[in-house]
Structure formats: structure tokens, C-alpha cells
Amino acid sequence: MTVHTYSSREFTRDVGAAKRAAAQGPVLITDRGRPAFALLKIEDYYQLTGKQEVSLLALMDAIPGGEGIEFEPSKLSLELRNANL
């Protein structure tokens, strides 16, 4: 596993390069020469924390104050027609 290091300025200038580097291993982002942040693939993060991937539905269910809200969207009706070209 390769560990890459980017200064805050380098990271800001080329986020894409940092993301590509994170595919190979952790990326340390420094602030004034000292490690300040780490960029990881989400799979690596879940492995480190022992957590599993969270679904969007689980995230939405965890929003405080949303209990008891009922949502029944109206049905969408579409009329399909042939295109006149």
C-alpha cells in the first residue's frame, strides 16, 4: 500500500490527482507541513471503522424530527406520443 502526501495547496489545485492516488492507498493532506487530514477510499474507511456501507434510506431515517411524517406522492400519469420528425 502506497501512502501519498499532498500539501493543502497541492490538494486544492488538483483534487482529481489526490482521488486517483487514494485508489492506491491513503493520502495525507498537510497543513503547514504537518499531517492534518487523510483521504481514503470509502471501502477502506468502512474496514477501519468496522462499519458497513450506509444506505441512503438509513441516512434519511436517521434525520431527527422526521418521525411520523407521512408522504404519499400522487401518481404520475404520462401520455406517450410518436415524435414528428
N, C-alpha and C. Protein backbone atom coordinates (compact mmCIF):
# COMPACT_ATOMS: atom_id res chain seq x y z
N MET A 1 0.85 -1.18 0.00
CA MET A 1 0.00 0.00 0.00
C MET A 1 0.90 1.24 0.00
N THR A 2 0.62 2.13 -0.90
CA THR A 2 1.39 3.36 -1.04
C THR A 2 0.69 4.49 -0.31
N VAL A 3 1.45 5.26 0.45
CA VAL A 3 0.91 6.44 1.12
C VAL A 3 1.43 7.67 0.39
N HIS A 4 0.51 8.50 -0.10
CA HIS A 4 0.88 9.74 -0.80
C HIS A 4 0.66 10.91 0.14
N THR A 5 1.42 11.97 -0.07
CA THR A 5 1.27 13.18 0.73
C THR A 5 1.10 14.38 -0.20
N TYR A 6 0.10 15.19 0.11
CA TYR A 6 -0.18 16.43 -0.64
C TYR A 6 -0.25 17.58 0.35
N SER A 7 0.31 18.71 -0.02
CA SER A 7 0.09 19.90 0.79
C SER A 7 -1.34 20.37 0.55
N SER A 8 -1.84 21.20 1.42
CA SER A 8 -3.19 21.74 1.24
C SER A 8 -3.30 22.46 -0.10
N ARG A 9 -2.26 23.16 -0.47
CA ARG A 9 -2.27 23.90 -1.73
C ARG A 9 -2.32 22.93 -2.92
N GLU A 10 -1.50 21.87 -2.88
CA GLU A 10 -1.50 20.89 -3.97
C GLU A 10 -2.86 20.20 -4.07
N PHE A 11 -3.43 19.87 -2.92
CA PHE A 11 -4.73 19.21 -2.89
C PHE A 11 -5.80 20.10 -3.51
N THR A 12 -5.80 21.37 -3.14
CA THR A 12 -6.77 22.31 -3.68
C THR A 12 -6.60 22.48 -5.19
N ARG A 13 -5.37 22.50 -5.62
CA ARG A 13 -5.08 22.71 -7.04
C ARG A 13 -5.50 21.52 -7.89
N ASP A 14 -5.38 20.28 -7.36
CA ASP A 14 -5.67 19.10 -8.17
C ASP A 14 -6.31 18.00 -7.32
N VAL A 15 -7.56 18.19 -6.99
CA VAL A 15 -8.30 17.20 -6.19
C VAL A 15 -8.37 15.87 -6.92
N GLY A 16 -8.50 15.91 -8.23
CA GLY A 16 -8.58 14.68 -9.02
C GLY A 16 -7.36 13.80 -8.85
N ALA A 17 -6.17 14.41 -8.81
CA ALA A 17 -4.94 13.65 -8.63
C ALA A 17 -4.93 12.99 -7.25
N ALA A 18 -5.41 13.69 -6.24
CA ALA A 18 -5.47 13.13 -4.90
C ALA A 18 -6.45 11.96 -4.83
N LYS A 19 -7.56 12.09 -5.53
CA LYS A 19 -8.54 10.99 -5.57
C LYS A 19 -7.96 9.78 -6.27
N ARG A 20 -7.23 9.99 -7.36
CA ARG A 20 -6.59 8.87 -8.06
C ARG A 20 -5.54 8.22 -7.17
N ALA A 21 -4.79 9.02 -6.43
CA ALA A 21 -3.77 8.48 -5.53
C ALA A 21 -4.43 7.69 -4.39
N ALA A 22 -5.60 8.12 -3.93
CA ALA A 22 -6.30 7.43 -2.85
C ALA A 22 -6.77 6.05 -3.28
N ALA A 23 -6.89 5.82 -4.58
CA ALA A 23 -7.26 4.49 -5.06
C ALA A 23 -6.14 3.49 -4.81
N GLN A 24 -4.91 3.98 -4.63
CA GLN A 24 -3.75 3.12 -4.39
C GLN A 24 -3.40 3.01 -2.92
N GLY A 25 -3.89 3.92 -2.10
CA GLY A 25 -3.60 3.91 -0.67
C GLY A 25 -3.98 5.24 -0.06
N PRO A 26 -3.79 5.38 1.24
CA PRO A 26 -4.17 6.63 1.92
C PRO A 26 -3.40 7.84 1.39
N VAL A 27 -4.07 8.97 1.43
CA VAL A 27 -3.45 10.24 1.04
C VAL A 27 -3.46 11.14 2.27
N LEU A 28 -2.29 11.60 2.67
CA LEU A 28 -2.20 12.54 3.78
C LEU A 28 -2.16 13.95 3.20
N ILE A 29 -2.97 14.82 3.76
CA ILE A 29 -3.02 16.22 3.34
C ILE A 29 -2.43 17.04 4.47
N THR A 30 -1.38 17.77 4.16
CA THR A 30 -0.68 18.51 5.20
C THR A 30 -1.14 19.96 5.25
N ASP A 31 -1.01 20.53 6.42
CA ASP A 31 -1.28 21.94 6.64
C ASP A 31 -0.06 22.51 7.34
N ARG A 32 0.66 23.37 6.66
CA ARG A 32 1.91 23.94 7.17
C ARG A 32 2.93 22.85 7.52
N GLY A 33 2.97 21.85 6.64
CA GLY A 33 3.97 20.80 6.79
C GLY A 33 3.62 19.66 7.73
N ARG A 34 2.49 19.75 8.40
CA ARG A 34 2.09 18.71 9.34
C ARG A 34 0.83 18.01 8.84
N PRO A 35 0.76 16.68 8.95
CA PRO A 35 -0.44 15.96 8.52
C PRO A 35 -1.67 16.50 9.23
N ALA A 36 -2.71 16.82 8.45
CA ALA A 36 -3.93 17.39 9.02
C ALA A 36 -5.16 16.57 8.67
N PHE A 37 -5.14 15.92 7.51
CA PHE A 37 -6.29 15.15 7.04
C PHE A 37 -5.81 13.90 6.34
N ALA A 38 -6.70 12.92 6.25
CA ALA A 38 -6.41 11.70 5.49
C ALA A 38 -7.56 11.46 4.53
N LEU A 39 -7.23 11.11 3.30
CA LEU A 39 -8.22 10.80 2.28
C LEU A 39 -8.12 9.31 2.01
N LEU A 40 -9.26 8.62 2.15
CA LEU A 40 -9.30 7.17 1.96
C LEU A 40 -10.42 6.78 1.01
N LYS A 41 -10.28 5.62 0.39
CA LYS A 41 -11.41 5.05 -0.34
C LYS A 41 -12.47 4.71 0.70
N ILE A 42 -13.71 4.82 0.34
CA ILE A 42 -14.79 4.58 1.30
C ILE A 42 -14.75 3.15 1.82
N GLU A 43 -14.34 2.20 0.98
CA GLU A 43 -14.23 0.81 1.42
C GLU A 43 -13.20 0.68 2.53
N ASP A 44 -12.07 1.39 2.40
CA ASP A 44 -11.03 1.36 3.43
C ASP A 44 -11.54 1.98 4.72
N TYR A 45 -12.30 3.07 4.60
CA TYR A 45 -12.86 3.72 5.79
C TYR A 45 -13.79 2.77 6.54
N TYR A 46 -14.68 2.10 5.79
CA TYR A 46 -15.61 1.16 6.44
C TYR A 46 -14.86 0.02 7.09
N GLN A 47 -13.78 -0.44 6.46
CA GLN A 47 -12.99 -1.53 7.03
C GLN A 47 -12.31 -1.06 8.32
N LEU A 48 -11.77 0.14 8.33
CA LEU A 48 -11.11 0.67 9.53
C LEU A 48 -12.07 0.86 10.69
N THR A 49 -13.26 1.34 10.39
CA THR A 49 -14.23 1.64 11.46
C THR A 49 -15.05 0.43 11.84
N GLY A 50 -14.99 -0.63 11.03
CA GLY A 50 -15.79 -1.81 11.33
C GLY A 50 -17.26 -1.63 10.99
N LYS A 51 -17.56 -0.56 10.27
CA LYS A 51 -18.95 -0.29 9.89
C LYS A 51 -19.18 -0.79 8.48
N GLN A 52 -20.44 -1.00 8.16
CA GLN A 52 -20.80 -1.37 6.81
C GLN A 52 -21.33 -0.14 6.09
N GLU A 53 -21.40 -0.24 4.78
CA GLU A 53 -21.89 0.87 3.98
C GLU A 53 -23.30 1.23 4.40
N VAL A 54 -23.56 2.53 4.54
CA VAL A 54 -24.86 3.02 4.98
C VAL A 54 -25.70 3.34 3.74
N SER A 55 -26.93 2.86 3.74
CA SER A 55 -27.81 3.15 2.61
C SER A 55 -28.41 4.54 2.74
N LEU A 56 -28.85 5.08 1.63
CA LEU A 56 -29.49 6.39 1.63
C LEU A 56 -30.75 6.37 2.50
N LEU A 57 -31.49 5.28 2.43
CA LEU A 57 -32.70 5.17 3.23
C LEU A 57 -32.38 5.21 4.72
N ALA A 58 -31.32 4.51 5.13
CA ALA A 58 -30.92 4.53 6.54
C ALA A 58 -30.49 5.93 6.97
N LEU A 59 -29.79 6.65 6.10
CA LEU A 59 -29.40 8.02 6.43
C LEU A 59 -30.62 8.91 6.59
N MET A 60 -31.59 8.76 5.70
CA MET A 60 -32.80 9.58 5.78
C MET A 60 -33.61 9.24 7.02
N ASP A 61 -33.67 7.96 7.38
CA ASP A 61 -34.39 7.56 8.58
C ASP A 61 -33.74 8.10 9.84
N ALA A 62 -32.44 8.37 9.78
CA ALA A 62 -31.72 8.85 10.96
C ALA A 62 -31.86 10.36 11.18
N ILE A 63 -32.50 11.07 10.27
CA ILE A 63 -32.67 12.52 10.42
C ILE A 63 -33.62 12.78 11.58
N PRO A 64 -33.18 13.54 12.58
CA PRO A 64 -34.05 13.80 13.73
C PRO A 64 -35.26 14.64 13.34
N GLY A 65 -36.38 14.35 13.97
CA GLY A 65 -37.60 15.12 13.75
C GLY A 65 -38.43 14.62 12.58
N GLY A 66 -38.03 13.56 11.96
CA GLY A 66 -38.76 13.07 10.80
C GLY A 66 -39.78 12.00 11.13
N GLU A 67 -39.89 11.65 12.40
CA GLU A 67 -40.83 10.61 12.80
C GLU A 67 -42.27 11.07 12.59
N GLY A 68 -43.08 10.19 12.12
CA GLY A 68 -44.49 10.48 11.99
C GLY A 68 -44.88 11.25 10.74
N ILE A 69 -43.92 11.59 9.91
CA ILE A 69 -44.24 12.31 8.68
C ILE A 69 -44.64 11.29 7.64
N GLU A 70 -45.82 11.47 7.10
CA GLU A 70 -46.28 10.55 6.06
C GLU A 70 -46.19 11.26 4.73
N PHE A 71 -45.77 10.52 3.74
CA PHE A 71 -45.60 11.09 2.41
C PHE A 71 -46.21 10.13 1.40
N GLU A 72 -47.23 10.59 0.75
CA GLU A 72 -47.90 9.79 -0.28
C GLU A 72 -47.89 10.62 -1.58
N PRO A 73 -46.88 10.42 -2.41
CA PRO A 73 -46.83 11.20 -3.64
C PRO A 73 -47.96 10.80 -4.59
N SER A 74 -48.45 11.78 -5.32
CA SER A 74 -49.50 11.47 -6.29
C SER A 74 -48.89 10.69 -7.45
N LYS A 75 -49.72 9.88 -8.08
CA LYS A 75 -49.24 9.07 -9.19
C LYS A 75 -49.01 9.95 -10.41
N LEU A 76 -47.96 9.63 -11.11
CA LEU A 76 -47.60 10.37 -12.30
C LEU A 76 -48.23 9.69 -13.50
N SER A 77 -48.94 10.46 -14.29
CA SER A 77 -49.54 9.88 -15.50
C SER A 77 -48.88 10.54 -16.70
N LEU A 78 -48.38 9.70 -17.59
CA LEU A 78 -47.72 10.19 -18.79
C LEU A 78 -48.47 9.74 -20.02
N GLU A 79 -48.50 10.61 -20.98
CA GLU A 79 -49.09 10.24 -22.28
C GLU A 79 -47.95 10.22 -23.29
N LEU A 80 -47.72 9.05 -23.86
CA LEU A 80 -46.65 8.91 -24.84
C LEU A 80 -47.21 9.12 -26.24
N ARG A 81 -46.50 9.92 -27.01
CA ARG A 81 -46.90 10.19 -28.38
C ARG A 81 -45.71 9.95 -29.30
N ASN A 82 -45.98 9.62 -30.54
CA ASN A 82 -44.91 9.48 -31.52
C ASN A 82 -44.34 10.86 -31.84
N ALA A 83 -43.04 10.89 -32.05
CA ALA A 83 -42.39 12.15 -32.41
C ALA A 83 -42.58 12.44 -33.89
N ASN A 84 -42.87 13.68 -34.20
CA ASN A 84 -42.96 14.11 -35.60
C ASN A 84 -41.61 14.67 -36.03
N LEU A 85 -40.90 13.91 -36.84
CA LEU A 85 -39.58 14.36 -37.28
C LEU A 85 -39.60 14.82 -38.70
